[in-house]
Amino acid sequence: MVLKIFRWAEGRKGFKHSEFVFCSVLDVLVRNGFMRSAYWVVERVIDVNMYDFANILIDG
């Protein structure tokens, strides 16, 4: 469900996800074993050039 909402929001005109949103979605997916979907989220992070994402994952 979280990925559906994430994709829906991403499709809205002018909407931009924050690093916090990417991390939160990734956390939910990984904790529930949805690794393929989690991989897709990481690919989106790379696609949108969100380089601070790794720092947030490391620092919490």
PDB file of N, CA and C in Angstrom:
ATOM      1  N   MET A   1       0.811  -1.195   0.000  1.00  0.00           N
ATOM      2  CA  MET A   1       0.000   0.000   0.000  1.00  0.00           C
ATOM      3  C   MET A   1       0.858   1.265   0.000  1.00  0.00           C
ATOM      4  N   VAL A   2       1.930   1.247   0.786  1.00  0.00           N
ATOM      5  CA  VAL A   2       2.775   2.438   0.871  1.00  0.00           C
ATOM      6  C   VAL A   2       3.380   2.784  -0.490  1.00  0.00           C
ATOM      7  N   LEU A   3       3.737   1.783  -1.259  1.00  0.00           N
ATOM      8  CA  LEU A   3       4.328   2.047  -2.570  1.00  0.00           C
ATOM      9  C   LEU A   3       3.292   2.610  -3.537  1.00  0.00           C
ATOM     10  N   LYS A   4       2.052   2.167  -3.437  1.00  0.00           N
ATOM     11  CA  LYS A   4       0.990   2.715  -4.290  1.00  0.00           C
ATOM     12  C   LYS A   4       0.773   4.194  -4.000  1.00  0.00           C
ATOM     13  N   ILE A   5       0.750   4.557  -2.730  1.00  0.00           N
ATOM     14  CA  ILE A   5       0.587   5.964  -2.357  1.00  0.00           C
ATOM     15  C   ILE A   5       1.796   6.770  -2.816  1.00  0.00           C
ATOM     16  N   PHE A   6       2.979   6.207  -2.646  1.00  0.00           N
ATOM     17  CA  PHE A   6       4.219   6.859  -3.072  1.00  0.00           C
ATOM     18  C   PHE A   6       4.179   7.149  -4.572  1.00  0.00           C
ATOM     19  N   ARG A   7       3.818   6.162  -5.357  1.00  0.00           N
ATOM     20  CA  ARG A   7       3.751   6.338  -6.817  1.00  0.00           C
ATOM     21  C   ARG A   7       2.650   7.309  -7.216  1.00  0.00           C
ATOM     22  N   TRP A   8       1.519   7.250  -6.523  1.00  0.00           N
ATOM     23  CA  TRP A   8       0.426   8.176  -6.811  1.00  0.00           C
ATOM     24  C   TRP A   8       0.879   9.615  -6.569  1.00  0.00           C
ATOM     25  N   ALA A   9       1.501   9.854  -5.408  1.00  0.00           N
ATOM     26  CA  ALA A   9       1.967  11.201  -5.075  1.00  0.00           C
ATOM     27  C   ALA A   9       3.022  11.670  -6.065  1.00  0.00           C
ATOM     28  N   GLU A  10       3.875  10.766  -6.471  1.00  0.00           N
ATOM     29  CA  GLU A  10       4.933  11.105  -7.419  1.00  0.00           C
ATOM     30  C   GLU A  10       4.353  11.561  -8.760  1.00  0.00           C
ATOM     31  N   GLY A  11       3.195  11.063  -9.103  1.00  0.00           N
ATOM     32  CA  GLY A  11       2.556  11.422 -10.361  1.00  0.00           C
ATOM     33  C   GLY A  11       1.807  12.743 -10.331  1.00  0.00           C
ATOM     34  N   ARG A  12       1.654  13.338  -9.152  1.00  0.00           N
ATOM     35  CA  ARG A  12       0.950  14.609  -9.033  1.00  0.00           C
ATOM     36  C   ARG A  12       1.833  15.737  -9.539  1.00  0.00           C
ATOM     37  N   LYS A  13       1.256  16.637 -10.277  1.00  0.00           N
ATOM     38  CA  LYS A  13       1.994  17.762 -10.853  1.00  0.00           C
ATOM     39  C   LYS A  13       2.592  18.638  -9.748  1.00  0.00           C
ATOM     40  N   GLY A  14       3.887  18.886  -9.854  1.00  0.00           N
ATOM     41  CA  GLY A  14       4.575  19.762  -8.924  1.00  0.00           C
ATOM     42  C   GLY A  14       4.978  19.134  -7.600  1.00  0.00           C
ATOM     43  N   PHE A  15       4.631  17.878  -7.385  1.00  0.00           N
ATOM     44  CA  PHE A  15       4.964  17.230  -6.116  1.00  0.00           C
ATOM     45  C   PHE A  15       6.386  16.705  -6.157  1.00  0.00           C
ATOM     46  N   LYS A  16       7.107  16.895  -5.061  1.00  0.00           N
ATOM     47  CA  LYS A  16       8.478  16.391  -4.969  1.00  0.00           C
ATOM     48  C   LYS A  16       8.651  15.682  -3.626  1.00  0.00           C
ATOM     49  N   HIS A  17       9.114  14.441  -3.670  1.00  0.00           N
ATOM     50  CA  HIS A  17       9.378  13.688  -2.442  1.00  0.00           C
ATOM     51  C   HIS A  17      10.624  14.243  -1.762  1.00  0.00           C
ATOM     52  N   SER A  18      10.641  14.173  -0.451  1.00  0.00           N
ATOM     53  CA  SER A  18      11.823  14.557   0.313  1.00  0.00           C
ATOM     54  C   SER A  18      12.650  13.313   0.624  1.00  0.00           C
ATOM     55  N   GLU A  19      13.853  13.536   1.111  1.00  0.00           N
ATOM     56  CA  GLU A  19      14.699  12.422   1.514  1.00  0.00           C
ATOM     57  C   GLU A  19      14.020  11.614   2.614  1.00  0.00           C
ATOM     58  N   PHE A  20      13.338  12.311   3.519  1.00  0.00           N
ATOM     59  CA  PHE A  20      12.648  11.632   4.614  1.00  0.00           C
ATOM     60  C   PHE A  20      11.580  10.677   4.089  1.00  0.00           C
ATOM     61  N   VAL A  21      10.838  11.103   3.079  1.00  0.00           N
ATOM     62  CA  VAL A  21       9.793  10.249   2.506  1.00  0.00           C
ATOM     63  C   VAL A  21      10.412   9.014   1.871  1.00  0.00           C
ATOM     64  N   PHE A  22      11.476   9.196   1.095  1.00  0.00           N
ATOM     65  CA  PHE A  22      12.150   8.050   0.484  1.00  0.00           C
ATOM     66  C   PHE A  22      12.621   7.074   1.556  1.00  0.00           C
ATOM     67  N   CYS A  23      13.235   7.582   2.617  1.00  0.00           N
ATOM     68  CA  CYS A  23      13.730   6.711   3.689  1.00  0.00           C
ATOM     69  C   CYS A  23      12.591   5.996   4.400  1.00  0.00           C
ATOM     70  N   SER A  24      11.509   6.700   4.647  1.00  0.00           N
ATOM     71  CA  SER A  24      10.363   6.094   5.334  1.00  0.00           C
ATOM     72  C   SER A  24       9.741   4.977   4.509  1.00  0.00           C
ATOM     73  N   VAL A  25       9.559   5.236   3.228  1.00  0.00           N
ATOM     74  CA  VAL A  25       8.987   4.219   2.340  1.00  0.00           C
ATOM     75  C   VAL A  25       9.921   3.017   2.262  1.00  0.00           C
ATOM     76  N   LEU A  26      11.204   3.282   2.112  1.00  0.00           N
ATOM     77  CA  LEU A  26      12.180   2.197   2.043  1.00  0.00           C
ATOM     78  C   LEU A  26      12.170   1.376   3.332  1.00  0.00           C
ATOM     79  N   ASP A  27      12.088   2.035   4.463  1.00  0.00           N
ATOM     80  CA  ASP A  27      12.052   1.345   5.752  1.00  0.00           C
ATOM     81  C   ASP A  27      10.851   0.404   5.844  1.00  0.00           C
ATOM     82  N   VAL A  28       9.674   0.884   5.479  1.00  0.00           N
ATOM     83  CA  VAL A  28       8.462   0.058   5.526  1.00  0.00           C
ATOM     84  C   VAL A  28       8.598  -1.151   4.610  1.00  0.00           C
ATOM     85  N   LEU A  29       9.106  -0.927   3.411  1.00  0.00           N
ATOM     86  CA  LEU A  29       9.230  -2.019   2.443  1.00  0.00           C
ATOM     87  C   LEU A  29      10.222  -3.082   2.914  1.00  0.00           C
ATOM     88  N   VAL A  30      11.382  -2.650   3.391  1.00  0.00           N
ATOM     89  CA  VAL A  30      12.415  -3.599   3.825  1.00  0.00           C
ATOM     90  C   VAL A  30      11.954  -4.374   5.057  1.00  0.00           C
ATOM     91  N   ARG A  31      11.362  -3.694   6.023  1.00  0.00           N
ATOM     92  CA  ARG A  31      10.898  -4.367   7.249  1.00  0.00           C
ATOM     93  C   ARG A  31       9.842  -5.432   6.966  1.00  0.00           C
ATOM     94  N   ASN A  32       9.131  -5.267   5.861  1.00  0.00           N
ATOM     95  CA  ASN A  32       8.077  -6.222   5.524  1.00  0.00           C
ATOM     96  C   ASN A  32       8.472  -7.179   4.410  1.00  0.00           C
ATOM     97  N   GLY A  33       9.752  -7.160   4.037  1.00  0.00           N
ATOM     98  CA  GLY A  33      10.272  -8.136   3.088  1.00  0.00           C
ATOM     99  C   GLY A  33       9.986  -7.866   1.619  1.00  0.00           C
ATOM    100  N   PHE A  34       9.601  -6.645   1.286  1.00  0.00           N
ATOM    101  CA  PHE A  34       9.321  -6.299  -0.108  1.00  0.00           C
ATOM    102  C   PHE A  34      10.596  -5.761  -0.768  1.00  0.00           C
ATOM    103  N   MET A  35      11.563  -6.645  -0.955  1.00  0.00           N
ATOM    104  CA  MET A  35      12.882  -6.226  -1.416  1.00  0.00           C
ATOM    105  C   MET A  35      12.877  -5.719  -2.856  1.00  0.00           C
ATOM    106  N   ARG A  36      12.092  -6.314  -3.708  1.00  0.00           N
ATOM    107  CA  ARG A  36      12.030  -5.854  -5.096  1.00  0.00           C
ATOM    108  C   ARG A  36      11.492  -4.422  -5.162  1.00  0.00           C
ATOM    109  N   SER A  37      10.472  -4.145  -4.383  1.00  0.00           N
ATOM    110  CA  SER A  37       9.915  -2.792  -4.328  1.00  0.00           C
ATOM    111  C   SER A  37      10.906  -1.823  -3.691  1.00  0.00           C
ATOM    112  N   ALA A  38      11.623  -2.284  -2.672  1.00  0.00           N
ATOM    113  CA  ALA A  38      12.635  -1.448  -2.028  1.00  0.00           C
ATOM    114  C   ALA A  38      13.739  -1.097  -3.023  1.00  0.00           C
ATOM    115  N   TYR A  39      14.125  -2.055  -3.831  1.00  0.00           N
ATOM    116  CA  TYR A  39      15.139  -1.809  -4.858  1.00  0.00           C
ATOM    117  C   TYR A  39      14.644  -0.748  -5.836  1.00  0.00           C
ATOM    118  N   TRP A  40      13.368  -0.800  -6.208  1.00  0.00           N
ATOM    119  CA  TRP A  40      12.789   0.195  -7.109  1.00  0.00           C
ATOM    120  C   TRP A  40      12.881   1.593  -6.490  1.00  0.00           C
ATOM    121  N   VAL A  41      12.612   1.697  -5.181  1.00  0.00           N
ATOM    122  CA  VAL A  41      12.689   2.992  -4.500  1.00  0.00           C
ATOM    123  C   VAL A  41      14.117   3.525  -4.551  1.00  0.00           C
ATOM    124  N   VAL A  42      15.092   2.674  -4.306  1.00  0.00           N
ATOM    125  CA  VAL A  42      16.493   3.102  -4.374  1.00  0.00           C
ATOM    126  C   VAL A  42      16.840   3.564  -5.792  1.00  0.00           C
ATOM    127  N   GLU A  43      16.338   2.879  -6.791  1.00  0.00           N
ATOM    128  CA  GLU A  43      16.565   3.322  -8.172  1.00  0.00           C
ATOM    129  C   GLU A  43      15.953   4.695  -8.418  1.00  0.00           C
ATOM    130  N   ARG A  44      14.795   4.970  -7.842  1.00  0.00           N
ATOM    131  CA  ARG A  44      14.160   6.292  -7.980  1.00  0.00           C
ATOM    132  C   ARG A  44      15.023   7.360  -7.318  1.00  0.00           C
ATOM    133  N   VAL A  45      15.612   7.037  -6.174  1.00  0.00           N
ATOM    134  CA  VAL A  45      16.510   7.976  -5.494  1.00  0.00           C
ATOM    135  C   VAL A  45      17.650   8.359  -6.433  1.00  0.00           C
ATOM    136  N   ILE A  46      18.211   7.376  -7.107  1.00  0.00           N
ATOM    137  CA  ILE A  46      19.302   7.630  -8.050  1.00  0.00           C
ATOM    138  C   ILE A  46      18.802   8.447  -9.233  1.00  0.00           C
ATOM    139  N   ASP A  47      17.623   8.116  -9.741  1.00  0.00           N
ATOM    140  CA  ASP A  47      17.052   8.829 -10.891  1.00  0.00           C
ATOM    141  C   ASP A  47      16.835  10.313 -10.616  1.00  0.00           C
ATOM    142  N   VAL A  48      16.450  10.653  -9.393  1.00  0.00           N
ATOM    143  CA  VAL A  48      16.166  12.056  -9.067  1.00  0.00           C
ATOM    144  C   VAL A  48      17.368  12.753  -8.425  1.00  0.00           C
ATOM    145  N   ASN A  49      18.530  12.099  -8.470  1.00  0.00           N
ATOM    146  CA  ASN A  49      19.785  12.683  -7.975  1.00  0.00           C
ATOM    147  C   ASN A  49      19.692  13.151  -6.524  1.00  0.00           C
ATOM    148  N   MET A  50      19.132  12.333  -5.671  1.00  0.00           N
ATOM    149  CA  MET A  50      18.979  12.672  -4.268  1.00  0.00           C
ATOM    150  C   MET A  50      20.164  12.076  -3.499  1.00  0.00           C
ATOM    151  N   TYR A  51      21.287  12.750  -3.573  1.00  0.00           N
ATOM    152  CA  TYR A  51      22.537  12.208  -3.055  1.00  0.00           C
ATOM    153  C   TYR A  51      22.620  12.212  -1.527  1.00  0.00           C
ATOM    154  N   ASP A  52      21.854  13.051  -0.852  1.00  0.00           N
ATOM    155  CA  ASP A  52      21.870  13.067   0.608  1.00  0.00           C
ATOM    156  C   ASP A  52      21.162  11.861   1.210  1.00  0.00           C
ATOM    157  N   PHE A  53      20.500  11.096   0.378  1.00  0.00           N
ATOM    158  CA  PHE A  53      19.765   9.918   0.822  1.00  0.00           C
ATOM    159  C   PHE A  53      20.675   8.947   1.573  1.00  0.00           C
ATOM    160  N   ALA A  54      21.853   8.699   1.051  1.00  0.00           N
ATOM    161  CA  ALA A  54      22.790   7.767   1.696  1.00  0.00           C
ATOM    162  C   ALA A  54      23.200   8.278   3.070  1.00  0.00           C
ATOM    163  N   ASN A  55      23.425   9.566   3.201  1.00  0.00           N
ATOM    164  CA  ASN A  55      23.791  10.136   4.498  1.00  0.00           C
ATOM    165  C   ASN A  55      22.678   9.952   5.517  1.00  0.00           C
ATOM    166  N   ILE A  56      21.445  10.108   5.079  1.00  0.00           N
ATOM    167  CA  ILE A  56      20.308   9.933   5.987  1.00  0.00           C
ATOM    168  C   ILE A  56      20.217   8.481   6.436  1.00  0.00           C
ATOM    169  N   LEU A  57      20.432   7.546   5.526  1.00  0.00           N
ATOM    170  CA  LEU A  57      20.390   6.128   5.891  1.00  0.00           C
ATOM    171  C   LEU A  57      21.481   5.784   6.895  1.00  0.00           C
ATOM    172  N   ILE A  58      22.656   6.358   6.709  1.00  0.00           N
ATOM    173  CA  ILE A  58      23.784   6.062   7.594  1.00  0.00           C
ATOM    174  C   ILE A  58      23.617   6.742   8.948  1.00  0.00           C
ATOM    175  N   ASP A  59      23.233   8.018   8.934  1.00  0.00           N
ATOM    176  CA  ASP A  59      23.142   8.802  10.168  1.00  0.00           C
ATOM    177  C   ASP A  59      21.828   8.624  10.918  1.00  0.00           C
ATOM    178  N   GLY A  60      20.804   8.173  10.201  1.00  0.00           N
ATOM    179  CA  GLY A  60      19.510   7.960  10.848  1.00  0.00           C
ATOM    180  C   GLY A  60      18.698   9.154  10.872  1.00  0.00           C
TER     181      GLY A  60
END
